């Protein structure tokens, strides 16, 4: 048997062929081999190793749900496994997300209350989970940007029931920036939406935020950065966090795990998948905003979320 560091070293220097027939003594080593096999699209072997991990450590939700997910990939192919709406809705409205979204709504509400009248732009509003409970009566102009039509519709349906003057734009922030050159807002906010923008594209967006907003408020997670996809410390960190995340869902445990958390977790180790988010340290966000010309940039802890601590960054 080999510890993780040896498996990693062998995989990195000699490739998958050097570990595809390795034996594993610990549950963690078995699951590590499952992740490597998954990354190589060797799903039957990945599933077998995950089942072995689950047998060695029967109480582990991560290994158990991981094995179930990989069995499904073997049976249906990866194309048949998708992040479904029902599972995501159960995820976002349960577990630690309840406290997380309560905290961000309160923080935003306090920002809005500092103004006599307020013009507000929400970048990546989603289905309004952060925005809607935060709304105040002093908002005289509200602009929403959101690529997902279904999510945007959910938000606008709620806004139609209250007297607020809003405009909704379905598309990316980059598309919106090309259209809305002369506009300015008192506050521009982005709650967990800017992480989907590749780091190389952020300076232009930060510069636009600086030019068009008096103040920018961003919510993001403080996520450590690792050099390699399969570095043992990265694997250990992600598995520990998912163990915590899965533990927060009891009623919808299988729905949330199979429909959302497992596809996302395995996506963290998928070399073939297009990246959909680029999380990093909070300090990296702060540095980027300062480089764009924001003079006062403050970050404060918002909520100790299972994936990573959530912060609010207030830039002026």
C-alpha atoms as a PDB file:
ATOM      1  CA  UNK A   1       0.000   0.000   0.000  1.00  0.00           C
ATOM      2  CA  UNK A   2       1.055   3.594  -0.585  1.00  0.00           C
ATOM      3  CA  UNK A   3       0.208   6.776   1.307  1.00  0.00           C
ATOM      4  CA  UNK A   4      -1.459   9.574  -0.642  1.00  0.00           C
ATOM      5  CA  UNK A   5       1.782  11.457  -1.235  1.00  0.00           C
ATOM      6  CA  UNK A   6       3.334   8.372  -2.881  1.00  0.00           C
ATOM      7  CA  UNK A   7       0.274   7.764  -5.057  1.00  0.00           C
ATOM      8  CA  UNK A   8       0.291  11.422  -6.068  1.00  0.00           C
ATOM      9  CA  UNK A   9       4.000  11.378  -6.835  1.00  0.00           C
ATOM     10  CA  UNK A  10       3.663   8.239  -8.947  1.00  0.00           C
ATOM     11  CA  UNK A  11       0.600   9.572 -10.800  1.00  0.00           C
ATOM     12  CA  UNK A  12       2.281  12.905 -11.453  1.00  0.00           C
ATOM     13  CA  UNK A  13       5.543  11.467 -12.755  1.00  0.00           C
ATOM     14  CA  UNK A  14       4.409   8.259 -14.488  1.00  0.00           C
ATOM     15  CA  UNK A  15       0.757   8.880 -15.316  1.00  0.00           C
ATOM     16  CA  UNK A  16      -2.422   6.944 -14.647  1.00  0.00           C
ATOM     17  CA  UNK A  17      -1.018   3.628 -15.871  1.00  0.00           C
ATOM     18  CA  UNK A  18       1.297   3.608 -12.840  1.00  0.00           C
ATOM     19  CA  UNK A  19      -1.588   3.706 -10.333  1.00  0.00           C
ATOM     20  CA  UNK A  20      -4.522   2.107 -12.149  1.00  0.00           C
ATOM     21  CA  UNK A  21      -3.820  -1.296 -10.560  1.00  0.00           C
ATOM     22  CA  UNK A  22      -2.592  -0.009  -7.206  1.00  0.00           C
ATOM     23  CA  UNK A  23      -3.960  -1.489  -4.013  1.00  0.00           C
ATOM     24  CA  UNK A  24      -5.213   0.670  -1.170  1.00  0.00           C
ATOM     25  CA  UNK A  25      -5.178  -0.033   2.554  1.00  0.00           C
ATOM     26  CA  UNK A  26      -7.022   3.032   3.831  1.00  0.00           C
ATOM     27  CA  UNK A  27     -10.436   4.401   2.889  1.00  0.00           C
ATOM     28  CA  UNK A  28      -8.854   7.738   1.966  1.00  0.00           C
ATOM     29  CA  UNK A  29      -6.315   6.124  -0.378  1.00  0.00           C
ATOM     30  CA  UNK A  30      -9.106   4.110  -2.048  1.00  0.00           C
ATOM     31  CA  UNK A  31     -11.168   7.249  -2.585  1.00  0.00           C
ATOM     32  CA  UNK A  32      -8.127   9.147  -3.844  1.00  0.00           C
ATOM     33  CA  UNK A  33      -7.653   6.450  -6.496  1.00  0.00           C
ATOM     34  CA  UNK A  34     -11.377   6.795  -7.319  1.00  0.00           C
ATOM     35  CA  UNK A  35     -10.868  10.514  -7.943  1.00  0.00           C
ATOM     36  CA  UNK A  36      -7.853   9.862 -10.183  1.00  0.00           C
ATOM     37  CA  UNK A  37      -9.791   7.226 -12.146  1.00  0.00           C
ATOM     38  CA  UNK A  38     -12.768   9.586 -12.484  1.00  0.00           C
ATOM     39  CA  UNK A  39     -10.453  12.280 -13.850  1.00  0.00           C
ATOM     40  CA  UNK A  40      -9.189   9.767 -16.421  1.00  0.00           C
ATOM     41  CA  UNK A  41     -12.814   8.855 -17.306  1.00  0.00           C
ATOM     42  CA  UNK A  42     -12.203   5.289 -16.094  1.00  0.00           C
ATOM     43  CA  UNK A  43     -15.599   5.198 -14.377  1.00  0.00           C
ATOM     44  CA  UNK A  44     -15.929   1.460 -13.624  1.00  0.00           C
ATOM     45  CA  UNK A  45     -12.604   1.490 -11.740  1.00  0.00           C
ATOM     46  CA  UNK A  46     -13.525   4.781 -10.049  1.00  0.00           C
ATOM     47  CA  UNK A  47     -16.803   3.279  -8.805  1.00  0.00           C
ATOM     48  CA  UNK A  48     -15.075   0.110  -7.573  1.00  0.00           C
ATOM     49  CA  UNK A  49     -12.509   2.110  -5.605  1.00  0.00           C
ATOM     50  CA  UNK A  50     -15.202   4.372  -4.115  1.00  0.00           C
ATOM     51  CA  UNK A  51     -17.211   1.311  -3.012  1.00  0.00           C
ATOM     52  CA  UNK A  52     -14.043  -0.045  -1.392  1.00  0.00           C
ATOM     53  CA  UNK A  53     -13.550   3.272   0.451  1.00  0.00           C
ATOM     54  CA  UNK A  54     -17.142   3.153   1.658  1.00  0.00           C
ATOM     55  CA  UNK A  55     -16.737  -0.438   2.889  1.00  0.00           C
ATOM     56  CA  UNK A  56     -13.555   0.462   4.798  1.00  0.00           C
ATOM     57  CA  UNK A  57     -15.214   3.453   6.457  1.00  0.00           C
ATOM     58  CA  UNK A  58     -18.952   2.702   6.567  1.00  0.00           C
ATOM     59  CA  UNK A  59     -19.883   5.875   8.450  1.00  0.00           C
ATOM     60  CA  UNK A  60     -18.504   8.285   5.837  1.00  0.00           C
ATOM     61  CA  UNK A  61     -21.222  10.124   3.933  1.00  0.00           C
ATOM     62  CA  UNK A  62     -18.690  11.380   1.392  1.00  0.00           C
ATOM     63  CA  UNK A  63     -17.516   7.877   0.466  1.00  0.00           C
ATOM     64  CA  UNK A  64     -21.034   6.449   0.504  1.00  0.00           C
ATOM     65  CA  UNK A  65     -22.551   9.219  -1.633  1.00  0.00           C
ATOM     66  CA  UNK A  66     -19.460   9.285  -3.851  1.00  0.00           C
ATOM     67  CA  UNK A  67     -19.792   5.552  -4.556  1.00  0.00           C
ATOM     68  CA  UNK A  68     -23.523   5.930  -5.318  1.00  0.00           C
ATOM     69  CA  UNK A  69     -22.797   8.819  -7.678  1.00  0.00           C
ATOM     70  CA  UNK A  70     -20.063   6.928  -9.555  1.00  0.00           C
ATOM     71  CA  UNK A  71     -22.294   3.853  -9.865  1.00  0.00           C
ATOM     72  CA  UNK A  72     -24.821   6.136 -11.552  1.00  0.00           C
ATOM     73  CA  UNK A  73     -22.158   7.542 -13.881  1.00  0.00           C
ATOM     74  CA  UNK A  74     -21.237   3.969 -14.873  1.00  0.00           C
ATOM     75  CA  UNK A  75     -24.886   3.063 -15.473  1.00  0.00           C
ATOM     76  CA  UNK A  76     -26.027   6.241 -17.242  1.00  0.00           C
ATOM     77  CA  UNK A  77     -22.845   7.861 -18.516  1.00  0.00           C
ATOM     78  CA  UNK A  78     -21.693  11.249 -17.363  1.00  0.00           C
ATOM     79  CA  UNK A  79     -24.053  13.006 -19.764  1.00  0.00           C
ATOM     80  CA  UNK A  80     -27.018  11.565 -17.871  1.00  0.00           C
ATOM     81  CA  UNK A  81     -25.945  13.159 -14.630  1.00  0.00           C
ATOM     82  CA  UNK A  82     -26.802  16.823 -14.321  1.00  0.00           C
ATOM     83  CA  UNK A  83     -27.190  19.446 -11.654  1.00  0.00           C
ATOM     84  CA  UNK A  84     -30.977  19.430 -11.456  1.00  0.00           C
ATOM     85  CA  UNK A  85     -33.154  22.344 -10.411  1.00  0.00           C
ATOM     86  CA  UNK A  86     -35.036  20.514  -7.669  1.00  0.00           C
ATOM     87  CA  UNK A  87     -31.813  19.392  -5.962  1.00  0.00           C
ATOM     88  CA  UNK A  88     -30.276  22.853  -6.213  1.00  0.00           C
ATOM     89  CA  UNK A  89     -33.433  24.447  -4.754  1.00  0.00           C
ATOM     90  CA  UNK A  90     -33.320  21.998  -1.806  1.00  0.00           C
ATOM     91  CA  UNK A  91     -29.603  22.735  -1.347  1.00  0.00           C
ATOM     92  CA  UNK A  92     -29.832  26.532  -1.476  1.00  0.00           C
ATOM     93  CA  UNK A  93     -32.859  26.670   0.838  1.00  0.00           C
ATOM     94  CA  UNK A  94     -31.493  24.238   3.431  1.00  0.00           C
ATOM     95  CA  UNK A  95     -28.447  23.536   5.589  1.00  0.00           C
ATOM     96  CA  UNK A  96     -25.955  26.325   6.150  1.00  0.00           C
ATOM     97  CA  UNK A  97     -27.396  28.327   3.267  1.00  0.00           C
ATOM     98  CA  UNK A  98     -30.264  29.461   5.506  1.00  0.00           C
ATOM     99  CA  UNK A  99     -27.886  31.227   7.908  1.00  0.00           C
ATOM    100  CA  UNK A 100     -25.600  32.369   5.085  1.00  0.00           C
ATOM    101  CA  UNK A 101     -28.382  34.094   3.130  1.00  0.00           C
ATOM    102  CA  UNK A 102     -29.949  35.551   6.263  1.00  0.00           C
ATOM    103  CA  UNK A 103     -26.564  37.085   7.065  1.00  0.00           C
ATOM    104  CA  UNK A 104     -26.011  38.594   3.611  1.00  0.00           C
ATOM    105  CA  UNK A 105     -29.565  39.977   3.437  1.00  0.00           C
ATOM    106  CA  UNK A 106     -29.106  41.687   6.811  1.00  0.00           C
ATOM    107  CA  UNK A 107     -25.719  43.098   5.720  1.00  0.00           C
ATOM    108  CA  UNK A 108     -27.159  44.463   2.453  1.00  0.00           C
ATOM    109  CA  UNK A 109     -30.206  45.908   4.227  1.00  0.00           C
ATOM    110  CA  UNK A 110     -27.871  47.839   6.543  1.00  0.00           C
ATOM    111  CA  UNK A 111     -25.986  49.229   3.540  1.00  0.00           C
ATOM    112  CA  UNK A 112     -29.208  50.394   1.854  1.00  0.00           C
ATOM    113  CA  UNK A 113     -30.396  52.108   5.025  1.00  0.00           C
ATOM    114  CA  UNK A 114     -27.349  54.408   4.980  1.00  0.00           C
ATOM    115  CA  UNK A 115     -28.858  56.286   1.998  1.00  0.00           C
ATOM    116  CA  UNK A 116     -31.713  58.754   1.753  1.00  0.00           C
ATOM    117  CA  UNK A 117     -32.431  57.602  -1.785  1.00  0.00           C
ATOM    118  CA  UNK A 118     -30.605  54.755  -3.499  1.00  0.00           C
ATOM    119  CA  UNK A 119     -29.842  53.580  -7.004  1.00  0.00           C
ATOM    120  CA  UNK A 120     -28.765  49.937  -6.934  1.00  0.00           C
ATOM    121  CA  UNK A 121     -27.327  47.455  -9.435  1.00  0.00           C
ATOM    122  CA  UNK A 122     -27.318  43.738  -8.556  1.00  0.00           C
ATOM    123  CA  UNK A 123     -24.876  41.725 -10.686  1.00  0.00           C
ATOM    124  CA  UNK A 124     -25.887  38.055 -10.789  1.00  0.00           C
ATOM    125  CA  UNK A 125     -29.057  38.463  -8.735  1.00  0.00           C
ATOM    126  CA  UNK A 126     -30.032  34.789  -9.216  1.00  0.00           C
ATOM    127  CA  UNK A 127     -33.488  34.074  -7.832  1.00  0.00           C
ATOM    128  CA  UNK A 128     -33.268  37.015  -5.443  1.00  0.00           C
ATOM    129  CA  UNK A 129     -32.437  35.033  -2.324  1.00  0.00           C
ATOM    130  CA  UNK A 130     -29.985  37.691  -1.091  1.00  0.00           C
ATOM    131  CA  UNK A 131     -31.678  40.776  -2.551  1.00  0.00           C
ATOM    132  CA  UNK A 132     -35.400  40.366  -1.876  1.00  0.00           C
ATOM    133  CA  UNK A 133     -35.335  40.186   1.963  1.00  0.00           C
ATOM    134  CA  UNK A 134     -32.865  43.107   2.022  1.00  0.00           C
ATOM    135  CA  UNK A 135     -34.991  45.617   0.063  1.00  0.00           C
ATOM    136  CA  UNK A 136     -35.755  49.032   1.560  1.00  0.00           C
ATOM    137  CA  UNK A 137     -38.323  51.660   0.565  1.00  0.00           C
ATOM    138  CA  UNK A 138     -35.676  54.268  -0.342  1.00  0.00           C
ATOM    139  CA  UNK A 139     -34.580  52.420  -3.519  1.00  0.00           C
ATOM    140  CA  UNK A 140     -35.571  54.688  -6.401  1.00  0.00           C
ATOM    141  CA  UNK A 141     -33.834  52.722  -9.149  1.00  0.00           C
ATOM    142  CA  UNK A 142     -32.993  49.029  -9.229  1.00  0.00           C
ATOM    143  CA  UNK A 143     -31.172  47.235 -12.053  1.00  0.00           C
ATOM    144  CA  UNK A 144     -30.741  43.473 -12.199  1.00  0.00           C
ATOM    145  CA  UNK A 145     -28.277  41.474 -14.284  1.00  0.00           C
ATOM    146  CA  UNK A 146     -28.636  37.676 -14.450  1.00  0.00           C
ATOM    147  CA  UNK A 147     -27.717  35.166 -17.186  1.00  0.00           C
ATOM    148  CA  UNK A 148     -30.344  32.570 -16.153  1.00  0.00           C
ATOM    149  CA  UNK A 149     -33.801  33.386 -17.495  1.00  0.00           C
ATOM    150  CA  UNK A 150     -35.552  31.043 -15.065  1.00  0.00           C
ATOM    151  CA  UNK A 151     -33.854  32.550 -12.028  1.00  0.00           C
ATOM    152  CA  UNK A 152     -34.417  36.110 -13.214  1.00  0.00           C
ATOM    153  CA  UNK A 153     -38.110  35.391 -13.755  1.00  0.00           C
ATOM    154  CA  UNK A 154     -38.372  34.203 -10.140  1.00  0.00           C
ATOM    155  CA  UNK A 155     -36.918  37.520  -8.935  1.00  0.00           C
ATOM    156  CA  UNK A 156     -39.006  39.756 -11.192  1.00  0.00           C
ATOM    157  CA  UNK A 157     -42.215  37.894 -10.215  1.00  0.00           C
ATOM    158  CA  UNK A 158     -41.500  38.791  -6.574  1.00  0.00           C
ATOM    159  CA  UNK A 159     -40.587  42.409  -7.450  1.00  0.00           C
ATOM    160  CA  UNK A 160     -43.828  42.831  -9.406  1.00  0.00           C
ATOM    161  CA  UNK A 161     -45.723  42.450  -6.135  1.00  0.00           C
ATOM    162  CA  UNK A 162     -44.009  45.411  -4.466  1.00  0.00           C
ATOM    163  CA  UNK A 163     -43.787  49.059  -5.511  1.00  0.00           C
ATOM    164  CA  UNK A 164     -40.233  49.261  -6.789  1.00  0.00           C
ATOM    165  CA  UNK A 165     -38.960  50.742 -10.022  1.00  0.00           C
ATOM    166  CA  UNK A 166     -36.734  48.070 -11.584  1.00  0.00           C
ATOM    167  CA  UNK A 167     -35.214  46.964 -14.882  1.00  0.00           C
ATOM    168  CA  UNK A 168     -34.012  43.434 -15.560  1.00  0.00           C
ATOM    169  CA  UNK A 169     -31.304  42.423 -18.024  1.00  0.00           C
ATOM    170  CA  UNK A 170     -30.909  38.754 -18.919  1.00  0.00           C
ATOM    171  CA  UNK A 171     -27.266  38.187 -19.799  1.00  0.00           C
ATOM    172  CA  UNK A 172     -23.751  38.349 -18.427  1.00  0.00           C
ATOM    173  CA  UNK A 173     -22.133  41.338 -16.753  1.00  0.00           C
ATOM    174  CA  UNK A 174     -19.820  41.602 -19.785  1.00  0.00           C
ATOM    175  CA  UNK A 175     -22.835  41.948 -22.118  1.00  0.00           C
ATOM    176  CA  UNK A 176     -24.425  44.482 -19.790  1.00  0.00           C
ATOM    177  CA  UNK A 177     -21.201  46.520 -19.634  1.00  0.00           C
ATOM    178  CA  UNK A 178     -21.174  46.830 -23.430  1.00  0.00           C
ATOM    179  CA  UNK A 179     -24.724  48.233 -23.411  1.00  0.00           C
ATOM    180  CA  UNK A 180     -24.830  50.457 -20.329  1.00  0.00           C
ATOM    181  CA  UNK A 181     -21.994  52.896 -20.737  1.00  0.00           C
ATOM    182  CA  UNK A 182     -23.281  56.089 -19.191  1.00  0.00           C
ATOM    183  CA  UNK A 183     -25.145  54.721 -16.178  1.00  0.00           C
ATOM    184  CA  UNK A 184     -24.027  55.196 -12.599  1.00  0.00           C
ATOM    185  CA  UNK A 185     -25.263  53.724  -9.328  1.00  0.00           C
ATOM    186  CA  UNK A 186     -24.856  54.524  -5.643  1.00  0.00           C
ATOM    187  CA  UNK A 187     -24.258  50.852  -4.866  1.00  0.00           C
ATOM    188  CA  UNK A 188     -23.315  47.918  -7.078  1.00  0.00           C
ATOM    189  CA  UNK A 189     -23.556  44.508  -5.407  1.00  0.00           C
ATOM    190  CA  UNK A 190     -22.497  40.996  -6.417  1.00  0.00           C
ATOM    191  CA  UNK A 191     -23.227  38.052  -4.106  1.00  0.00           C
ATOM    192  CA  UNK A 192     -21.222  34.948  -5.051  1.00  0.00           C
ATOM    193  CA  UNK A 193     -21.556  35.786  -8.743  1.00  0.00           C
ATOM    194  CA  UNK A 194     -18.140  37.207  -9.671  1.00  0.00           C
ATOM    195  CA  UNK A 195     -16.414  33.900  -8.876  1.00  0.00           C
ATOM    196  CA  UNK A 196     -17.714  32.608 -12.228  1.00  0.00           C
ATOM    197  CA  UNK A 197     -15.546  35.163 -14.053  1.00  0.00           C
ATOM    198  CA  UNK A 198     -12.046  33.917 -14.981  1.00  0.00           C
ATOM    199  CA  UNK A 199      -9.341  35.905 -13.127  1.00  0.00           C
ATOM    200  CA  UNK A 200      -7.917  37.305 -16.381  1.00  0.00           C
ATOM    201  CA  UNK A 201     -11.247  39.023 -17.118  1.00  0.00           C
ATOM    202  CA  UNK A 202     -11.716  40.525 -13.654  1.00  0.00           C
ATOM    203  CA  UNK A 203      -9.542  43.660 -13.903  1.00  0.00           C
ATOM    204  CA  UNK A 204     -11.757  45.036 -16.710  1.00  0.00           C
ATOM    205  CA  UNK A 205     -14.888  44.315 -14.679  1.00  0.00           C
ATOM    206  CA  UNK A 206     -13.447  45.810 -11.479  1.00  0.00           C
ATOM    207  CA  UNK A 207     -12.466  48.905 -13.478  1.00  0.00           C
ATOM    208  CA  UNK A 208     -16.022  49.191 -14.810  1.00  0.00           C
ATOM    209  CA  UNK A 209     -17.448  48.811 -11.272  1.00  0.00           C
ATOM    210  CA  UNK A 210     -15.125  51.593 -10.099  1.00  0.00           C
ATOM    211  CA  UNK A 211     -16.210  53.896 -12.936  1.00  0.00           C
ATOM    212  CA  UNK A 212     -19.958  53.246 -12.616  1.00  0.00           C
ATOM    213  CA  UNK A 213     -20.561  52.801  -8.900  1.00  0.00           C
ATOM    214  CA  UNK A 214     -19.939  55.013  -5.884  1.00  0.00           C
ATOM    215  CA  UNK A 215     -19.578  51.852  -3.833  1.00  0.00           C
ATOM    216  CA  UNK A 216     -19.278  48.141  -4.605  1.00  0.00           C
ATOM    217  CA  UNK A 217     -20.325  45.413  -2.159  1.00  0.00           C
ATOM    218  CA  UNK A 218     -19.218  41.851  -2.897  1.00  0.00           C
ATOM    219  CA  UNK A 219     -19.865  38.589  -1.031  1.00  0.00           C
ATOM    220  CA  UNK A 220     -17.410  35.752  -1.640  1.00  0.00           C
ATOM    221  CA  UNK A 221     -15.795  32.755   0.066  1.00  0.00           C
ATOM    222  CA  UNK A 222     -12.230  32.673   1.386  1.00  0.00           C
ATOM    223  CA  UNK A 223     -11.022  29.608  -0.532  1.00  0.00           C
ATOM    224  CA  UNK A 224      -7.411  28.391  -0.390  1.00  0.00           C
ATOM    225  CA  UNK A 225      -5.594  27.973  -3.678  1.00  0.00           C
ATOM    226  CA  UNK A 226      -3.591  24.872  -4.521  1.00  0.00           C
ATOM    227  CA  UNK A 227      -1.100  24.259  -7.306  1.00  0.00           C
ATOM    228  CA  UNK A 228      -2.524  20.983  -8.566  1.00  0.00           C
ATOM    229  CA  UNK A 229      -5.939  19.375  -9.012  1.00  0.00           C
ATOM    230  CA  UNK A 230      -4.921  16.157  -7.229  1.00  0.00           C
ATOM    231  CA  UNK A 231      -2.469  17.517  -4.652  1.00  0.00           C
ATOM    232  CA  UNK A 232      -3.162  15.429  -1.492  1.00  0.00           C
ATOM    233  CA  UNK A 233      -3.711  18.510   0.684  1.00  0.00           C
ATOM    234  CA  UNK A 234      -6.277  19.826  -1.819  1.00  0.00           C
ATOM    235  CA  UNK A 235      -8.092  16.482  -1.887  1.00  0.00           C
ATOM    236  CA  UNK A 236      -8.104  16.270   1.907  1.00  0.00           C
ATOM    237  CA  UNK A 237      -9.373  19.848   2.256  1.00  0.00           C
ATOM    238  CA  UNK A 238     -12.240  19.355  -0.207  1.00  0.00           C
ATOM    239  CA  UNK A 239     -13.309  15.984   1.242  1.00  0.00           C
ATOM    240  CA  UNK A 240     -13.304  17.387   4.798  1.00  0.00           C
ATOM    241  CA  UNK A 241     -15.479  20.287   3.720  1.00  0.00           C
ATOM    242  CA  UNK A 242     -17.928  18.098   1.812  1.00  0.00           C
ATOM    243  CA  UNK A 243     -18.187  15.821   4.825  1.00  0.00           C
ATOM    244  CA  UNK A 244     -19.384  18.888   6.760  1.00  0.00           C
ATOM    245  CA  UNK A 245     -21.660  20.032   3.936  1.00  0.00           C
ATOM    246  CA  UNK A 246     -23.398  16.672   3.546  1.00  0.00           C
ATOM    247  CA  UNK A 247     -23.953  16.501   7.314  1.00  0.00           C
ATOM    248  CA  UNK A 248     -26.124  19.638   7.137  1.00  0.00           C
ATOM    249  CA  UNK A 249     -28.806  17.930   5.044  1.00  0.00           C
ATOM    250  CA  UNK A 250     -30.892  15.242   6.690  1.00  0.00           C
ATOM    251  CA  UNK A 251     -34.385  15.476   5.141  1.00  0.00           C
ATOM    252  CA  UNK A 252     -33.235  15.920   1.528  1.00  0.00           C
ATOM    253  CA  UNK A 253     -29.876  14.190   1.996  1.00  0.00           C
ATOM    254  CA  UNK A 254     -29.961  11.967  -1.104  1.00  0.00           C
ATOM    255  CA  UNK A 255     -31.600  14.505  -3.385  1.00  0.00           C
ATOM    256  CA  UNK A 256     -29.089  17.211  -2.472  1.00  0.00           C
ATOM    257  CA  UNK A 257     -26.084  14.866  -2.489  1.00  0.00           C
ATOM    258  CA  UNK A 258     -26.803  13.102  -5.786  1.00  0.00           C
ATOM    259  CA  UNK A 259     -28.445  15.976  -7.632  1.00  0.00           C
ATOM    260  CA  UNK A 260     -26.055  18.726  -6.614  1.00  0.00           C
ATOM    261  CA  UNK A 261     -23.243  18.199  -4.107  1.00  0.00           C
ATOM    262  CA  UNK A 262     -21.637  15.094  -5.657  1.00  0.00           C
ATOM    263  CA  UNK A 263     -21.667  16.415  -9.259  1.00  0.00           C
ATOM    264  CA  UNK A 264     -20.057  19.613  -7.977  1.00  0.00           C
ATOM    265  CA  UNK A 265     -17.517  17.795  -5.798  1.00  0.00           C
ATOM    266  CA  UNK A 266     -16.404  15.477  -8.588  1.00  0.00           C
ATOM    267  CA  UNK A 267     -16.310  18.507 -10.867  1.00  0.00           C
ATOM    268  CA  UNK A 268     -13.532  19.844  -8.603  1.00  0.00           C
ATOM    269  CA  UNK A 269     -11.398  16.930  -9.840  1.00  0.00           C
ATOM    270  CA  UNK A 270     -12.563  16.723 -13.447  1.00  0.00           C
ATOM    271  CA  UNK A 271      -9.854  17.563 -15.950  1.00  0.00           C
ATOM    272  CA  UNK A 272     -12.287  17.403 -18.871  1.00  0.00           C
ATOM    273  CA  UNK A 273     -14.912  19.812 -17.535  1.00  0.00           C
ATOM    274  CA  UNK A 274     -15.062  23.499 -18.316  1.00  0.00           C
ATOM    275  CA  UNK A 275     -14.500  25.413 -15.113  1.00  0.00           C
ATOM    276  CA  UNK A 276     -17.571  27.307 -13.951  1.00  0.00           C
ATOM    277  CA  UNK A 277     -16.034  29.094 -11.002  1.00  0.00           C
ATOM    278  CA  UNK A 278     -12.693  30.485  -9.952  1.00  0.00           C
ATOM    279  CA  UNK A 279     -12.738  30.969  -6.214  1.00  0.00           C
ATOM    280  CA  UNK A 280      -9.726  32.313  -4.364  1.00  0.00           C
ATOM    281  CA  UNK A 281      -8.541  33.940  -1.182  1.00  0.00           C
ATOM    282  CA  UNK A 282     -10.454  37.012  -0.005  1.00  0.00           C
ATOM    283  CA  UNK A 283      -7.153  38.907  -0.062  1.00  0.00           C
ATOM    284  CA  UNK A 284      -6.992  38.304  -3.832  1.00  0.00           C
ATOM    285  CA  UNK A 285     -10.397  40.015  -4.268  1.00  0.00           C
ATOM    286  CA  UNK A 286      -9.306  42.899  -2.044  1.00  0.00           C
ATOM    287  CA  UNK A 287      -6.045  43.341  -3.992  1.00  0.00           C
ATOM    288  CA  UNK A 288      -7.919  43.274  -7.313  1.00  0.00           C
ATOM    289  CA  UNK A 289     -10.364  45.961  -6.194  1.00  0.00           C
ATOM    290  CA  UNK A 290      -7.545  48.159  -4.889  1.00  0.00           C
ATOM    291  CA  UNK A 291      -5.686  47.768  -8.188  1.00  0.00           C
ATOM    292  CA  UNK A 292      -8.849  48.960  -9.985  1.00  0.00           C
ATOM    293  CA  UNK A 293      -8.742  52.251  -8.065  1.00  0.00           C
ATOM    294  CA  UNK A 294     -10.964  51.636  -5.034  1.00  0.00           C
ATOM    295  CA  UNK A 295      -9.296  53.531  -2.207  1.00  0.00           C
ATOM    296  CA  UNK A 296     -11.129  52.101   0.792  1.00  0.00           C
ATOM    297  CA  UNK A 297     -11.581  48.318   0.648  1.00  0.00           C
ATOM    298  CA  UNK A 298     -12.718  46.513   3.780  1.00  0.00           C
ATOM    299  CA  UNK A 299     -13.408  42.800   4.187  1.00  0.00           C
ATOM    300  CA  UNK A 300     -15.276  41.401   7.163  1.00  0.00           C
ATOM    301  CA  UNK A 301     -16.329  37.889   8.106  1.00  0.00           C
ATOM    302  CA  UNK A 302     -19.995  37.343   7.262  1.00  0.00           C
ATOM    303  CA  UNK A 303     -20.672  33.691   8.105  1.00  0.00           C
ATOM    304  CA  UNK A 304     -18.689  30.502   8.888  1.00  0.00           C
ATOM    305  CA  UNK A 305     -20.044  28.446   5.973  1.00  0.00           C
ATOM    306  CA  UNK A 306     -19.147  24.749   5.546  1.00  0.00           C
ATOM    307  CA  UNK A 307     -17.358  25.220   2.227  1.00  0.00           C
ATOM    308  CA  UNK A 308     -15.331  28.206   3.383  1.00  0.00           C
ATOM    309  CA  UNK A 309     -15.778  31.328   5.505  1.00  0.00           C
ATOM    310  CA  UNK A 310     -17.960  33.878   3.716  1.00  0.00           C
ATOM    311  CA  UNK A 311     -16.869  37.515   3.667  1.00  0.00           C
ATOM    312  CA  UNK A 312     -18.421  40.818   2.678  1.00  0.00           C
ATOM    313  CA  UNK A 313     -16.067  43.180   0.872  1.00  0.00           C
ATOM    314  CA  UNK A 314     -17.074  46.853   0.909  1.00  0.00           C
ATOM    315  CA  UNK A 315     -15.172  48.977  -1.629  1.00  0.00           C
ATOM    316  CA  UNK A 316     -15.404  52.716  -2.241  1.00  0.00           C
END
